[in-house]
Protein backbone atom coordinates (compact mmCIF):
# COMPACT_ATOMS: atom_id res chain seq x y z
CA MET A 1 22.05 34.32 17.37
CA GLU A 2 23.23 31.55 15.07
CA GLY A 3 20.91 30.32 12.36
CA LYS A 4 19.52 26.82 12.55
CA LEU A 5 17.66 24.54 10.15
CA TYR A 6 15.00 22.38 11.78
CA VAL A 7 13.91 19.35 9.74
CA VAL A 8 10.37 18.80 10.97
CA GLY A 9 8.22 15.72 10.45
CA THR A 10 4.53 16.54 9.98
CA PRO A 11 1.39 14.35 9.86
CA ILE A 12 0.83 12.15 6.80
CA GLY A 13 -2.92 12.60 7.14
CA ASN A 14 -4.43 13.05 10.58
CA LEU A 15 -3.38 16.44 11.95
CA GLU A 16 -3.55 15.11 15.52
CA ASP A 17 -0.36 13.14 14.79
CA ILE A 18 1.78 16.29 15.11
CA THR A 19 4.21 15.94 18.02
CA LEU A 20 4.48 18.40 20.90
CA ARG A 21 8.06 19.17 19.94
CA ALA A 22 7.19 19.77 16.29
CA SER A 23 4.35 22.09 17.35
CA ARG A 24 6.70 24.11 19.55
CA ILE A 25 9.39 24.43 16.88
CA LEU A 26 6.89 25.53 14.22
CA ALA A 27 5.61 28.19 16.61
CA GLU A 28 9.11 29.48 17.40
CA VAL A 29 10.89 29.63 14.02
CA ASP A 30 11.17 32.74 11.86
CA LEU A 31 9.89 31.07 8.71
CA VAL A 32 8.80 27.71 7.33
CA ALA A 33 10.09 26.27 4.05
CA ALA A 34 7.36 24.01 2.68
CA GLU A 35 6.89 21.75 -0.32
CA ASP A 36 3.20 22.68 -0.55
CA THR A 37 2.54 26.01 1.17
CA ARG A 38 -1.24 25.60 0.95
CA ARG A 39 -1.17 22.30 2.78
CA THR A 40 1.30 23.55 5.36
CA LEU A 41 -0.87 26.63 5.95
CA GLN A 42 -3.74 24.33 6.95
CA LEU A 43 -1.47 22.67 9.53
CA LEU A 44 -0.20 25.99 10.90
CA ASN A 45 -3.76 27.32 11.17
CA HIS A 46 -4.72 24.13 13.00
CA LEU A 47 -1.88 24.75 15.45
CA GLY A 48 -2.75 28.44 15.76
CA CYS A 49 0.71 29.64 14.73
CA PRO A 50 0.59 31.45 11.36
CA LYS A 51 4.07 31.91 9.93
CA THR A 52 5.88 33.31 6.93
CA LEU A 53 5.89 30.51 4.38
CA VAL A 54 8.50 29.99 1.67
CA SER A 55 8.04 27.53 -1.17
CA TYR A 56 10.77 24.88 -1.45
CA HIS A 57 10.15 21.98 -3.84
CA GLU A 58 11.62 19.93 -6.67
CA HIS A 59 11.30 22.67 -9.31
CA ASN A 60 12.72 25.63 -7.36
CA ARG A 61 15.09 23.87 -4.97
CA ARG A 62 18.25 25.57 -6.28
CA GLU A 63 17.08 29.19 -6.12
CA ALA A 64 15.04 28.66 -2.95
CA GLY A 65 17.88 26.69 -1.39
CA GLU A 66 20.36 29.52 -1.97
CA MET A 67 17.96 32.02 -0.40
CA LEU A 68 17.37 29.79 2.64
CA LEU A 69 21.10 29.26 3.16
CA ARG A 70 21.60 33.01 3.02
CA ARG A 71 18.90 33.51 5.66
CA LEU A 72 20.47 30.83 7.85
CA ASN A 73 23.84 32.57 7.61
CA GLU A 74 22.10 35.77 8.72
CA GLY A 75 20.86 34.00 11.86
CA ALA A 76 17.34 32.92 10.86
CA GLN A 77 15.64 29.95 12.49
CA ILE A 78 14.02 27.96 9.67
CA ALA A 79 11.77 24.90 9.72
CA LEU A 80 11.83 22.61 6.68
CA VAL A 81 8.67 20.56 6.11
CA THR A 82 7.56 18.38 3.24
CA ASP A 83 4.10 17.84 1.77
CA ALA A 84 3.45 15.26 4.48
CA GLY A 85 5.63 13.06 6.66
CA MET A 86 9.36 13.32 7.18
CA PRO A 87 11.34 15.66 4.91
CA CYS A 88 14.16 14.23 2.78
CA ILE A 89 12.34 10.94 2.07
CA SER A 90 11.34 10.95 -1.61
CA ASP A 91 11.63 14.73 -1.59
CA PRO A 92 14.41 17.26 -2.32
CA GLY A 93 14.84 18.34 1.30
CA TRP A 94 18.02 16.26 1.55
CA GLU A 95 19.79 18.73 -0.75
CA LEU A 96 19.13 21.62 1.64
CA VAL A 97 20.27 19.53 4.62
CA ASP A 98 23.41 18.53 2.73
CA ALA A 99 24.18 22.15 1.79
CA ALA A 100 23.58 23.35 5.35
CA ARG A 101 25.89 20.71 6.83
CA LYS A 102 28.61 21.48 4.25
CA ALA A 103 28.34 25.14 5.24
CA GLU A 104 28.72 24.03 8.89
CA LEU A 105 25.33 25.44 9.80
CA ALA A 106 23.32 23.94 12.66
CA VAL A 107 20.77 21.29 11.66
CA GLU A 108 18.33 19.71 14.12
CA MET A 109 16.01 16.79 13.37
CA ILE A 110 12.43 16.81 14.66
CA PRO A 111 11.20 13.30 13.79
CA GLY A 112 7.61 12.60 12.90
CA PRO A 113 5.35 10.18 11.00
CA THR A 114 6.43 8.55 7.75
CA ALA A 115 4.22 6.72 5.26
CA VAL A 116 6.82 4.02 4.66
CA ALA A 117 7.11 3.02 8.34
CA THR A 118 3.34 3.23 8.85
CA ALA A 119 2.66 1.03 5.81
CA VAL A 120 5.26 -1.55 6.86
CA ALA A 121 3.56 -1.86 10.24
CA ALA A 122 0.07 -1.93 8.68
CA SER A 123 1.00 -4.72 6.25
CA GLY A 124 1.16 -7.36 8.95
CA MET A 125 4.14 -9.01 7.21
CA ASP A 126 7.68 -9.84 8.31
CA SER A 127 9.63 -6.57 8.24
CA ALA A 128 12.94 -7.73 9.73
CA ARG A 129 14.52 -6.41 6.51
CA PHE A 130 12.98 -4.19 3.88
CA THR A 131 14.03 -2.04 0.94
CA PHE A 132 12.42 1.31 0.26
CA GLU A 133 12.11 2.00 -3.48
CA GLY A 134 10.01 5.17 -3.24
CA PHE A 135 8.58 6.28 -6.57
CA ILE A 136 9.55 4.14 -9.57
CA PRO A 137 10.53 6.09 -12.73
CA ARG A 138 7.60 6.55 -15.08
CA LYS A 139 9.21 4.95 -18.14
CA GLY A 140 12.39 3.73 -19.76
CA ARG A 141 15.12 1.27 -18.92
CA GLU A 142 15.54 2.47 -15.34
CA ARG A 143 11.88 1.69 -14.65
CA ARG A 144 12.23 -1.83 -16.05
CA GLU A 145 15.44 -2.48 -14.15
CA ARG A 146 14.08 -1.27 -10.82
CA LEU A 147 10.88 -3.29 -11.22
CA ASP A 148 12.92 -6.37 -12.12
CA ALA A 149 15.07 -5.84 -9.05
CA ALA A 150 12.04 -5.33 -6.80
CA ALA A 151 10.43 -8.53 -8.07
CA ALA A 152 13.65 -10.50 -7.59
CA ARG A 153 14.37 -9.18 -4.11
CA THR A 154 13.65 -11.65 -1.29
CA GLU A 155 13.04 -9.12 1.49
CA MET A 156 10.06 -6.80 1.84
CA THR A 157 9.99 -3.92 -0.63
CA VAL A 158 8.02 -0.67 -0.24
CA LEU A 159 6.97 1.56 -3.15
CA TYR A 160 5.04 4.81 -3.49
CA GLU A 161 2.72 5.57 -6.40
CA ALA A 162 0.31 8.26 -7.53
CA PRO A 163 -3.33 7.17 -8.00
CA HIS A 164 -3.40 7.81 -11.77
CA ARG A 165 -0.37 5.51 -12.27
CA LEU A 166 -1.31 2.78 -9.80
CA GLU A 167 -3.02 0.43 -12.28
CA ARG A 168 -0.01 0.45 -14.57
CA LEU A 169 2.39 -0.26 -11.71
CA LEU A 170 0.29 -3.19 -10.54
CA GLN A 171 0.14 -4.55 -14.08
CA ASP A 172 3.92 -4.29 -14.42
CA LEU A 173 4.35 -6.10 -11.11
CA CYS A 174 1.89 -8.79 -12.20
CA GLU A 175 4.07 -9.52 -15.20
CA ARG A 176 7.00 -10.18 -12.85
CA CYS A 177 5.66 -11.58 -9.58
CA PRO A 178 1.86 -12.15 -9.74
CA ASP A 179 1.82 -14.56 -6.76
CA ARG A 180 3.90 -12.44 -4.41
CA PRO A 181 2.05 -11.35 -1.24
CA MET A 182 1.41 -7.66 -0.93
CA ALA A 183 -0.47 -5.04 1.03
CA LEU A 184 -1.88 -1.98 -0.73
CA CYS A 185 -2.21 0.84 1.79
CA LYS A 186 -4.51 3.74 0.94
CA ASP A 187 -4.83 7.09 2.74
CA LEU A 188 -2.99 6.03 5.88
CA THR A 189 -4.19 7.79 9.08
CA LYS A 190 -7.04 9.47 7.18
CA ARG A 191 -10.78 8.89 7.51
CA PHE A 192 -10.97 6.38 4.66
CA GLU A 193 -7.76 4.51 5.44
CA ALA A 194 -7.77 1.03 3.90
CA VAL A 195 -5.32 -1.86 3.60
CA GLU A 196 -5.96 -4.55 0.97
CA ARG A 197 -3.96 -7.75 1.28
CA GLY A 198 -3.48 -10.65 -1.09
CA SER A 199 -1.25 -11.59 -3.99
CA VAL A 200 -0.20 -8.90 -6.45
CA GLU A 201 -2.65 -10.34 -8.98
CA GLN A 202 -5.51 -10.51 -6.47
CA VAL A 203 -5.00 -6.88 -5.43
CA ARG A 204 -4.82 -5.75 -9.07
CA ARG A 205 -8.10 -7.53 -9.86
CA SER A 206 -9.78 -6.03 -6.80
CA LEU A 207 -9.28 -2.56 -8.29
CA GLU A 208 -10.85 -3.35 -11.66
CA GLY A 209 -13.79 -1.07 -12.38
CA ARG A 210 -13.16 1.08 -9.31
CA GLU A 211 -12.30 4.76 -9.25
CA ILE A 212 -8.76 5.06 -7.92
CA LEU A 213 -8.33 8.07 -5.66
CA GLY A 214 -6.12 8.82 -2.68
CA GLU A 215 -2.49 8.22 -1.74
CA TYR A 216 -0.96 4.76 -2.00
CA VAL A 217 1.90 2.78 -0.53
CA LEU A 218 2.58 -0.70 -1.91
CA VAL A 219 4.26 -3.24 0.35
CA LEU A 220 5.61 -6.36 -1.36
CA GLY A 221 6.06 -9.06 1.25
CA PRO A 222 9.14 -11.27 1.76
CA TRP A 223 9.41 -13.72 -1.12
CA ALA A 224 11.63 -16.58 -2.24
CA GLY A 225 10.29 -16.74 -5.79
CA GLU A 226 8.73 -20.19 -5.51
CA GLN A 227 6.44 -19.47 -8.44
CA ASP A 228 9.40 -19.49 -10.84
CA PRO A 229 11.49 -22.70 -10.70
CA ALA A 230 14.14 -21.12 -12.90
CA SER A 231 14.76 -18.34 -10.38
CA GLN A 232 15.66 -20.86 -7.69
CA ALA A 233 18.66 -22.10 -9.63
CA MET A 234 20.41 -18.75 -9.34
CA ASP A 235 22.66 -19.84 -12.20
CA PRO A 236 22.95 -17.34 -15.07
CA GLU A 237 23.29 -19.98 -17.79
CA THR A 238 20.22 -21.88 -16.57
CA LEU A 239 18.24 -18.65 -16.33
CA LEU A 240 19.29 -17.50 -19.80
CA LEU A 241 18.28 -20.86 -21.26
CA ALA A 242 14.94 -20.60 -19.48
CA ARG A 243 14.35 -17.10 -20.86
CA LYS A 244 15.28 -18.25 -24.38
CA ALA A 245 12.91 -21.21 -24.09
CA ALA A 246 10.19 -18.79 -22.97
CA GLY A 247 10.63 -16.86 -26.22
CA ASP A 248 12.68 -13.89 -25.05
CA ASP A 249 15.27 -12.49 -27.43
CA LYS A 250 18.88 -12.19 -26.32
CA LYS A 251 18.65 -8.54 -25.25
CA GLU A 252 15.57 -9.08 -23.09
CA ALA A 253 17.00 -12.25 -21.53
CA VAL A 254 20.22 -10.43 -20.59
CA ARG A 255 18.23 -7.57 -19.04
CA GLN A 256 16.13 -9.87 -16.88
CA VAL A 257 18.96 -12.10 -15.69
CA THR A 258 21.22 -9.11 -14.95
CA ALA A 259 18.50 -7.56 -12.77
CA LEU A 260 17.62 -10.85 -11.06
CA LEU A 261 21.15 -11.87 -10.11
CA ARG A 262 22.65 -8.37 -9.91
CA LEU A 263 25.59 -9.36 -12.08
CA LYS A 264 27.62 -7.26 -14.46
CA LYS A 265 25.72 -6.87 -17.70
CA ARG A 266 28.89 -7.49 -19.71
CA ASP A 267 29.41 -10.93 -18.14
CA VAL A 268 25.81 -11.99 -18.70
CA TYR A 269 25.89 -10.70 -22.27
CA GLN A 270 29.02 -12.72 -23.10
CA LEU A 271 27.33 -15.86 -21.80
CA ALA A 272 24.20 -15.06 -23.79
CA MET A 273 26.29 -14.59 -26.93
CA LYS A 274 27.58 -18.13 -26.54
CA ILE A 275 24.13 -19.59 -25.91
CA TRP A 276 22.53 -17.85 -28.87
CA ALA A 277 25.57 -18.64 -31.07
CA ASP A 278 25.29 -22.34 -30.19
CA GLU A 279 21.63 -22.22 -31.24
CA SER A 280 22.54 -20.65 -34.58
CA THR A 281 25.28 -23.23 -35.18
CA GLY A 282 23.02 -26.10 -34.24
CA SER A 283 20.19 -24.94 -36.46
CA GLY A 284 22.37 -25.39 -39.53
CA GLU A 285 23.21 -29.05 -38.83
CA ASP A 286 21.41 -32.00 -40.36
């Protein structure tokens, strides 16, 4: 019998959301590779199909991945599940799928719930187009650049965040797009599911003084940036001048305009050099 990897979507909260097909596959496979074996054990006990569980997550994906590929080559039937939802979305499961396909092993998808799709539907906003950002980096230039890009994007944008970092993320978004409509989705499909809607600033203020627990998905609604007249011009020189007038130094102005217009940093920097040089020249004239 040839080995096969089943990529199985599991509930994001309510265990009743497991599909009939997913239940059957989990009952039939030889072993289950899980991001969180304790959480997956609860699901398997709920289904009445205890299985051999193998840990597969961000920190052991290489060693565990090699072992799972070996078992697949030996003919094992393996189910890959994530902590909750569909594997390979904001989780290292894609690396195992990629390796299995490169090895020409059979891979079968068993679709299930996803937090991103559930939150988009729950937001009640136009979702004709949306960008999924997942988890934003915790610090550094990449964090700033991705937040700048999210704030500048006109279509819906979906982000994930851990509860202990939520306040900081909302504050960072407030600095970029405080008036943008958003929906903050908490504990989707669970008993205390909640969706708070309003502007980014309104949602941030609503959390002040409250204990932040649970799992969160942030949905930034479609936005044309009306709150910032400079952003409507979409002209790098105008935007650089606006950032300079606002007090930004050259480096910060280049960073923001590059992210907003998605231009090459080198081109924006050369234009900024001219603008700041003109200021220096002018300041010496009587």
